[in-house]
C-alpha atoms as a PDB file:
ATOM      1  CA  MET A   1      -7.886 -18.713  11.602  1.00  0.00           C
ATOM      2  CA  ILE A   2      -8.479 -16.066  14.266  1.00  0.00           C
ATOM      3  CA  ASP A   3      -8.602 -17.174  17.905  1.00  0.00           C
ATOM      4  CA  GLU A   4     -11.870 -15.465  18.862  1.00  0.00           C
ATOM      5  CA  LYS A   5     -11.373 -15.925  22.605  1.00  0.00           C
ATOM      6  CA  LEU A   6      -7.896 -14.408  22.445  1.00  0.00           C
ATOM      7  CA  LEU A   7      -9.230 -11.556  20.330  1.00  0.00           C
ATOM      8  CA  ASN A   8     -11.971 -10.869  22.864  1.00  0.00           C
ATOM      9  CA  TYR A   9      -9.349 -10.810  25.616  1.00  0.00           C
ATOM     10  CA  PHE A  10      -7.199  -8.371  23.666  1.00  0.00           C
ATOM     11  CA  GLU A  11     -10.228  -6.194  22.945  1.00  0.00           C
ATOM     12  CA  SER A  12     -10.733  -5.685  26.666  1.00  0.00           C
ATOM     13  CA  PHE A  13      -7.603  -3.495  26.601  1.00  0.00           C
ATOM     14  CA  LEU A  14      -9.069  -1.167  23.967  1.00  0.00           C
ATOM     15  CA  THR A  15     -11.695   1.543  24.236  1.00  0.00           C
ATOM     16  CA  ASP A  16     -14.933   1.182  22.308  1.00  0.00           C
ATOM     17  CA  ASN A  17     -13.952   4.208  20.239  1.00  0.00           C
ATOM     18  CA  ARG A  18     -10.680   2.585  19.216  1.00  0.00           C
ATOM     19  CA  LYS A  19     -12.363  -0.644  18.176  1.00  0.00           C
ATOM     20  CA  GLN A  20     -14.977   1.233  16.166  1.00  0.00           C
ATOM     21  CA  LEU A  21     -12.271   3.294  14.468  1.00  0.00           C
ATOM     22  CA  PHE A  22     -10.549   0.111  13.299  1.00  0.00           C
ATOM     23  CA  LYS A  23     -13.808  -1.224  11.886  1.00  0.00           C
ATOM     24  CA  ASN A  24     -14.605   2.043  10.135  1.00  0.00           C
ATOM     25  CA  VAL A  25     -11.163   2.203   8.523  1.00  0.00           C
ATOM     26  CA  LEU A  26     -11.397  -1.420   7.396  1.00  0.00           C
ATOM     27  CA  GLU A  27     -14.610  -0.643   5.534  1.00  0.00           C
ATOM     28  CA  ASN A  28     -12.618   1.720   3.326  1.00  0.00           C
ATOM     29  CA  ARG A  29      -9.508  -0.423   2.847  1.00  0.00           C
ATOM     30  CA  THR A  30      -8.825  -1.954  -0.546  1.00  0.00           C
ATOM     31  CA  ARG A  31      -6.495  -4.334  -2.321  1.00  0.00           C
ATOM     32  CA  HIS A  32      -8.019  -3.483  -5.681  1.00  0.00           C
ATOM     33  CA  PHE A  33      -5.107  -1.073  -6.074  1.00  0.00           C
ATOM     34  CA  THR A  34      -1.597  -1.497  -4.778  1.00  0.00           C
ATOM     35  CA  VAL A  35       1.570   0.588  -4.978  1.00  0.00           C
ATOM     36  CA  VAL A  36       5.052  -0.491  -6.051  1.00  0.00           C
ATOM     37  CA  LEU A  37       8.093   1.627  -5.183  1.00  0.00           C
ATOM     38  CA  GLU A  38      11.103   0.776  -7.332  1.00  0.00           C
ATOM     39  CA  ASP A  39      14.470   1.802  -5.887  1.00  0.00           C
ATOM     40  CA  ILE A  40      13.309   4.927  -4.092  1.00  0.00           C
ATOM     41  CA  PHE A  41      16.420   6.652  -2.776  1.00  0.00           C
ATOM     42  CA  GLN A  42      15.064   9.347  -0.471  1.00  0.00           C
ATOM     43  CA  SER A  43      13.467   7.961   2.690  1.00  0.00           C
ATOM     44  CA  HIS A  44      11.166  10.970   3.043  1.00  0.00           C
ATOM     45  CA  ASN A  45       9.680  10.211  -0.382  1.00  0.00           C
ATOM     46  CA  ALA A  46       9.045   6.546   0.401  1.00  0.00           C
ATOM     47  CA  SER A  47       7.619   7.516   3.784  1.00  0.00           C
ATOM     48  CA  ALA A  48       5.300  10.102   2.276  1.00  0.00           C
ATOM     49  CA  VAL A  49       3.967   7.536  -0.204  1.00  0.00           C
ATOM     50  CA  VAL A  50       3.300   5.080   2.632  1.00  0.00           C
ATOM     51  CA  ARG A  51       1.393   7.801   4.467  1.00  0.00           C
ATOM     52  CA  THR A  52      -0.592   8.552   1.305  1.00  0.00           C
ATOM     53  CA  CYS A  53      -1.509   4.887   0.874  1.00  0.00           C
ATOM     54  CA  ASP A  54      -2.910   4.793   4.394  1.00  0.00           C
ATOM     55  CA  ILE A  55      -4.841   8.022   3.881  1.00  0.00           C
ATOM     56  CA  PHE A  56      -6.529   6.782   0.720  1.00  0.00           C
ATOM     57  CA  GLY A  57      -7.096   3.223   1.941  1.00  0.00           C
ATOM     58  CA  VAL A  58      -4.536   1.281  -0.113  1.00  0.00           C
ATOM     59  CA  GLN A  59      -3.507  -1.586   2.153  1.00  0.00           C
ATOM     60  CA  ASP A  60      -0.405  -3.020   0.463  1.00  0.00           C
ATOM     61  CA  VAL A  61       2.886  -1.402  -0.517  1.00  0.00           C
ATOM     62  CA  HIS A  62       5.643  -3.242  -2.400  1.00  0.00           C
ATOM     63  CA  ALA A  63       9.222  -1.962  -2.222  1.00  0.00           C
ATOM     64  CA  ILE A  64      11.784  -3.122  -4.780  1.00  0.00           C
ATOM     65  CA  GLU A  65      15.377  -2.717  -3.584  1.00  0.00           C
ATOM     66  CA  ASN A  66      17.809  -3.427  -6.400  1.00  0.00           C
ATOM     67  CA  LYS A  67      20.056  -0.409  -5.759  1.00  0.00           C
ATOM     68  CA  TYR A  68      18.758   1.302  -2.631  1.00  0.00           C
ATOM     69  CA  ASN A  69      17.232   0.203   0.648  1.00  0.00           C
ATOM     70  CA  ASN A  70      13.676   1.301   1.180  1.00  0.00           C
ATOM     71  CA  LYS A  71      13.588   3.191   4.478  1.00  0.00           C
ATOM     72  CA  VAL A  72      10.481   4.552   6.140  1.00  0.00           C
ATOM     73  CA  SER A  73      10.856   7.542   8.440  1.00  0.00           C
ATOM     74  CA  ARG A  74       8.487   7.436  11.386  1.00  0.00           C
ATOM     75  CA  HIS A  75       8.595  11.224  11.530  1.00  0.00           C
ATOM     76  CA  VAL A  76       7.303  11.535   7.953  1.00  0.00           C
ATOM     77  CA  ALA A  77       5.027   8.482   7.895  1.00  0.00           C
ATOM     78  CA  LYS A  78       3.344   9.587  11.148  1.00  0.00           C
ATOM     79  CA  GLY A  79       2.774   5.982  12.230  1.00  0.00           C
ATOM     80  CA  SER A  80       0.908   5.043   9.057  1.00  0.00           C
ATOM     81  CA  GLN A  81       3.392   2.224   8.400  1.00  0.00           C
ATOM     82  CA  LYS A  82       1.899   0.299  11.347  1.00  0.00           C
ATOM     83  CA  TRP A  83      -1.411  -0.186   9.586  1.00  0.00           C
ATOM     84  CA  LEU A  84      -0.192  -1.291   6.148  1.00  0.00           C
ATOM     85  CA  ASN A  85       1.189  -4.526   4.762  1.00  0.00           C
ATOM     86  CA  GLN A  86       4.640  -3.797   3.346  1.00  0.00           C
ATOM     87  CA  TYR A  87       6.576  -6.220   1.178  1.00  0.00           C
ATOM     88  CA  ARG A  88      10.266  -5.837   0.390  1.00  0.00           C
ATOM     89  CA  TYR A  89      12.092  -7.398  -2.569  1.00  0.00           C
ATOM     90  CA  ARG A  90      15.855  -7.304  -1.983  1.00  0.00           C
ATOM     91  CA  ASN A  91      17.295 -10.774  -2.485  1.00  0.00           C
ATOM     92  CA  ASP A  92      18.980 -10.463  -5.890  1.00  0.00           C
ATOM     93  CA  GLY A  93      19.174  -8.491  -9.121  1.00  0.00           C
ATOM     94  CA  ASP A  94      15.832  -9.836 -10.321  1.00  0.00           C
ATOM     95  CA  ASN A  95      13.832  -8.154  -7.581  1.00  0.00           C
ATOM     96  CA  THR A  96      11.748  -6.145 -10.045  1.00  0.00           C
ATOM     97  CA  LYS A  97      10.864  -9.286 -11.992  1.00  0.00           C
ATOM     98  CA  THR A  98      10.024 -11.180  -8.799  1.00  0.00           C
ATOM     99  CA  CYS A  99       7.714  -8.415  -7.637  1.00  0.00           C
ATOM    100  CA  LEU A 100       5.921  -7.894 -10.936  1.00  0.00           C
ATOM    101  CA  ASP A 101       5.519 -11.618 -11.618  1.00  0.00           C
ATOM    102  CA  GLY A 102       3.967 -12.107  -8.194  1.00  0.00           C
ATOM    103  CA  LEU A 103       1.539  -9.238  -8.666  1.00  0.00           C
ATOM    104  CA  LYS A 104       0.512 -10.529 -12.092  1.00  0.00           C
ATOM    105  CA  ARG A 105      -0.199 -13.932 -10.589  1.00  0.00           C
ATOM    106  CA  GLU A 106      -2.503 -12.177  -8.126  1.00  0.00           C
ATOM    107  CA  GLY A 107      -4.437 -10.677 -10.997  1.00  0.00           C
ATOM    108  CA  TYR A 108      -2.950  -7.179 -11.064  1.00  0.00           C
ATOM    109  CA  GLN A 109      -2.217  -5.276 -14.236  1.00  0.00           C
ATOM    110  CA  ILE A 110       1.109  -3.461 -14.023  1.00  0.00           C
ATOM    111  CA  VAL A 111       0.809   0.257 -14.752  1.00  0.00           C
ATOM    112  CA  ALA A 112       3.984   2.314 -14.946  1.00  0.00           C
ATOM    113  CA  THR A 113       3.603   5.936 -13.907  1.00  0.00           C
ATOM    114  CA  THR A 114       5.619   8.151 -16.248  1.00  0.00           C
ATOM    115  CA  PRO A 115       5.462  11.633 -17.767  1.00  0.00           C
ATOM    116  CA  HIS A 116       6.964  10.294 -20.998  1.00  0.00           C
ATOM    117  CA  ASN A 117       4.064   8.210 -22.307  1.00  0.00           C
ATOM    118  CA  ASP A 118       0.750   9.767 -23.334  1.00  0.00           C
ATOM    119  CA  SER A 119      -1.150   6.513 -23.893  1.00  0.00           C
ATOM    120  CA  CYS A 120      -3.362   7.072 -20.839  1.00  0.00           C
ATOM    121  CA  LEU A 121      -3.946  10.291 -18.942  1.00  0.00           C
ATOM    122  CA  LEU A 122      -5.080  10.156 -15.328  1.00  0.00           C
ATOM    123  CA  GLN A 123      -8.591  11.424 -16.043  1.00  0.00           C
ATOM    124  CA  ASP A 124      -9.123   8.606 -18.554  1.00  0.00           C
ATOM    125  CA  PHE A 125      -7.850   5.733 -16.412  1.00  0.00           C
ATOM    126  CA  ASP A 126     -10.147   2.695 -16.096  1.00  0.00           C
ATOM    127  CA  VAL A 127     -10.452   1.941 -12.369  1.00  0.00           C
ATOM    128  CA  SER A 128     -12.372  -1.319 -12.840  1.00  0.00           C
ATOM    129  CA  LYS A 129      -9.202  -3.419 -13.239  1.00  0.00           C
ATOM    130  CA  LYS A 130      -6.998  -4.526 -10.339  1.00  0.00           C
ATOM    131  CA  THR A 131      -3.918  -2.369 -10.721  1.00  0.00           C
ATOM    132  CA  ALA A 132      -0.407  -2.100  -9.334  1.00  0.00           C
ATOM    133  CA  PHE A 133       0.905   1.430  -9.836  1.00  0.00           C
ATOM    134  CA  VAL A 134       4.697   1.472 -10.194  1.00  0.00           C
ATOM    135  CA  PHE A 135       6.644   4.569  -9.144  1.00  0.00           C
ATOM    136  CA  GLY A 136      10.323   4.750 -10.011  1.00  0.00           C
ATOM    137  CA  VAL A 137      13.474   6.213  -8.553  1.00  0.00           C
ATOM    138  CA  GLU A 138      13.759   9.977  -8.261  1.00  0.00           C
ATOM    139  CA  ALA A 139      14.791  11.786 -11.481  1.00  0.00           C
ATOM    140  CA  GLU A 140      15.244   8.601 -13.554  1.00  0.00           C
ATOM    141  CA  GLY A 141      11.763   7.118 -13.130  1.00  0.00           C
ATOM    142  CA  VAL A 142      10.810   3.468 -13.553  1.00  0.00           C
ATOM    143  CA  SER A 143      13.381   1.052 -14.951  1.00  0.00           C
ATOM    144  CA  ASP A 144      13.566  -0.221 -18.526  1.00  0.00           C
ATOM    145  CA  TYR A 145      12.390  -3.604 -17.237  1.00  0.00           C
ATOM    146  CA  VAL A 146       9.182  -2.052 -15.879  1.00  0.00           C
ATOM    147  CA  ILE A 147       8.633  -0.157 -19.144  1.00  0.00           C
ATOM    148  CA  GLU A 148       9.107  -3.341 -21.165  1.00  0.00           C
ATOM    149  CA  ASN A 149       6.858  -5.478 -18.964  1.00  0.00           C
ATOM    150  CA  ALA A 150       4.129  -3.023 -18.004  1.00  0.00           C
ATOM    151  CA  ASP A 151       0.567  -3.662 -19.134  1.00  0.00           C
ATOM    152  CA  GLY A 152      -0.044   0.057 -19.431  1.00  0.00           C
ATOM    153  CA  PHE A 153       1.162   3.546 -18.601  1.00  0.00           C
ATOM    154  CA  LEU A 154      -0.300   6.458 -16.684  1.00  0.00           C
ATOM    155  CA  LYS A 155       0.489  10.135 -17.016  1.00  0.00           C
ATOM    156  CA  ILE A 156      -0.585  13.101 -14.919  1.00  0.00           C
ATOM    157  CA  PRO A 157      -1.319  15.971 -17.322  1.00  0.00           C
ATOM    158  CA  MET A 158       1.013  18.936 -16.782  1.00  0.00           C
ATOM    159  CA  VAL A 159       1.035  22.314 -18.506  1.00  0.00           C
ATOM    160  CA  GLY A 160       4.030  24.049 -16.924  1.00  0.00           C
ATOM    161  CA  PHE A 161       7.723  24.153 -17.852  1.00  0.00           C
ATOM    162  CA  THR A 162       8.597  21.324 -15.458  1.00  0.00           C
ATOM    163  CA  GLU A 163       7.924  17.881 -16.914  1.00  0.00           C
ATOM    164  CA  SER A 164       7.747  15.798 -13.757  1.00  0.00           C
ATOM    165  CA  LEU A 165       6.447  15.788 -10.196  1.00  0.00           C
ATOM    166  CA  ASN A 166       8.087  14.667  -6.982  1.00  0.00           C
ATOM    167  CA  ILE A 167       7.229  10.991  -6.523  1.00  0.00           C
ATOM    168  CA  SER A 168       5.290  11.543  -3.304  1.00  0.00           C
ATOM    169  CA  VAL A 169       3.230  14.295  -4.909  1.00  0.00           C
ATOM    170  CA  ALA A 170       2.559  12.154  -7.986  1.00  0.00           C
ATOM    171  CA  ALA A 171       1.453   9.245  -5.808  1.00  0.00           C
ATOM    172  CA  ALA A 172      -0.905  11.481  -3.829  1.00  0.00           C
ATOM    173  CA  ILE A 173      -2.505  12.929  -6.952  1.00  0.00           C
ATOM    174  CA  ILE A 174      -2.958   9.526  -8.577  1.00  0.00           C
ATOM    175  CA  LEU A 175      -4.249   7.691  -5.513  1.00  0.00           C
ATOM    176  CA  GLN A 176      -6.691  10.434  -4.570  1.00  0.00           C
ATOM    177  CA  ASP A 177      -8.117  10.414  -8.083  1.00  0.00           C
ATOM    178  CA  VAL A 178      -8.364   6.658  -8.655  1.00  0.00           C
ATOM    179  CA  THR A 179      -9.637   5.743  -5.170  1.00  0.00           C
ATOM    180  CA  THR A 180     -12.344   8.411  -5.371  1.00  0.00           C
ATOM    181  CA  LYS A 181     -13.486   7.050  -8.723  1.00  0.00           C
ATOM    182  CA  LEU A 182     -13.267   3.492  -7.424  1.00  0.00           C
ATOM    183  CA  ARG A 183     -15.535   4.168  -4.447  1.00  0.00           C
ATOM    184  CA  ASN A 184     -18.087   5.741  -6.759  1.00  0.00           C
ATOM    185  CA  SER A 185     -17.976   2.769  -9.111  1.00  0.00           C
ATOM    186  CA  GLU A 186     -19.707  -0.605  -9.030  1.00  0.00           C
ATOM    187  CA  SER A 187     -16.437  -2.522  -8.714  1.00  0.00           C
ATOM    188  CA  ASN A 188     -16.035  -5.009  -5.888  1.00  0.00           C
ATOM    189  CA  TRP A 189     -13.155  -3.128  -4.262  1.00  0.00           C
ATOM    190  CA  LYS A 190     -13.610  -3.855  -0.551  1.00  0.00           C
ATOM    191  CA  LEU A 191     -11.679  -6.374   1.507  1.00  0.00           C
ATOM    192  CA  SER A 192     -13.228  -9.765   2.114  1.00  0.00           C
ATOM    193  CA  LYS A 193     -14.663 -10.640   5.522  1.00  0.00           C
ATOM    194  CA  GLU A 194     -11.652 -12.860   6.205  1.00  0.00           C
ATOM    195  CA  GLU A 195      -9.174 -10.135   5.224  1.00  0.00           C
ATOM    196  CA  LYS A 196     -10.874  -7.677   7.547  1.00  0.00           C
ATOM    197  CA  GLU A 197     -10.760 -10.151  10.422  1.00  0.00           C
ATOM    198  CA  VAL A 198      -7.040 -10.799   9.958  1.00  0.00           C
ATOM    199  CA  LEU A 199      -6.185  -7.098   9.772  1.00  0.00           C
ATOM    200  CA  TYR A 200      -8.416  -6.214  12.707  1.00  0.00           C
ATOM    201  CA  PHE A 201      -6.703  -8.815  14.885  1.00  0.00           C
ATOM    202  CA  ASP A 202      -3.304  -7.529  13.783  1.00  0.00           C
ATOM    203  CA  TRP A 203      -4.220  -3.900  14.489  1.00  0.00           C
ATOM    204  CA  VAL A 204      -5.597  -4.753  17.913  1.00  0.00           C
ATOM    205  CA  LYS A 205      -2.320  -6.484  18.822  1.00  0.00           C
ATOM    206  CA  LYS A 206      -0.253  -3.559  17.561  1.00  0.00           C
ATOM    207  CA  THR A 207      -2.200  -1.176  19.763  1.00  0.00           C
ATOM    208  CA  ILE A 208      -1.507  -2.986  23.029  1.00  0.00           C
ATOM    209  CA  LYS A 209       1.748  -2.359  24.871  1.00  0.00           C
ATOM    210  CA  ASN A 210       3.639  -5.490  25.952  1.00  0.00           C
ATOM    211  CA  VAL A 211       1.188  -7.585  23.978  1.00  0.00           C
ATOM    212  CA  ASP A 212       3.498 -10.630  23.975  1.00  0.00           C
ATOM    213  CA  LYS A 213       3.607 -10.697  27.772  1.00  0.00           C
ATOM    214  CA  ILE A 214      -0.145 -10.224  27.931  1.00  0.00           C
ATOM    215  CA  GLU A 215      -0.692 -13.102  25.522  1.00  0.00           C
ATOM    216  CA  ALA A 216       1.720 -15.320  27.478  1.00  0.00           C
ATOM    217  CA  HIS A 217      -0.207 -14.541  30.665  1.00  0.00           C
ATOM    218  CA  TYR A 218      -3.462 -15.401  28.882  1.00  0.00           C
ATOM    219  CA  GLN A 219      -2.093 -18.724  27.626  1.00  0.00           C
ATOM    220  CA  GLN A 220      -0.704 -19.564  31.056  1.00  0.00           C
ATOM    221  CA  ASN A 221      -4.143 -19.111  32.626  1.00  0.00           C
ATOM    222  CA  LEU A 222      -5.603 -21.566  30.152  1.00  0.00           C
ATOM    223  CA  LYS A 223      -3.431 -24.370  31.490  1.00  0.00           C
END
């Protein structure tokens, strides 16, 4: 539940343009699609995918860390990490299972991105279903567990000698394509009113310097 009075107080520290920008971006945010990064080794790749998610309005990113820590470079991400919800799975060897099981419970179909399965090409992908796109570690791709437990596969058509794309490039191509189709579809892809309110409040707080001190001062004045 958002404290409306506190929100109004925080908003007094923002320009009207900033507040309107937040609202405009929220209108294009979605949780219809989400991205899963499985054991990404290179931080610049993970960071570039995070940046791509922000650009194309995908709000949530899930990072599985069985072998490698998922690190986001501020230099590469360009601050985009501030505006996304990022979830990390790094407690034990079943991190991939934990992540996928949770997403399935939330109604997502698990789609493994791979150049080695022709069952669905990007141009034929059905955007009407809630989907978690899984991108695997550089060179090796998604794990055997993902392959065995995926609900489907997605391939970017390629006609050159090279059989695979850099993960960040693949993510950009896929997300640009599917989000464009989604916004032109009749699917209910937008965030709920409550989700927008929660994110807006969070973004407002992240914009204000020394926000904890400001909030403490506000609470003190209420006494």
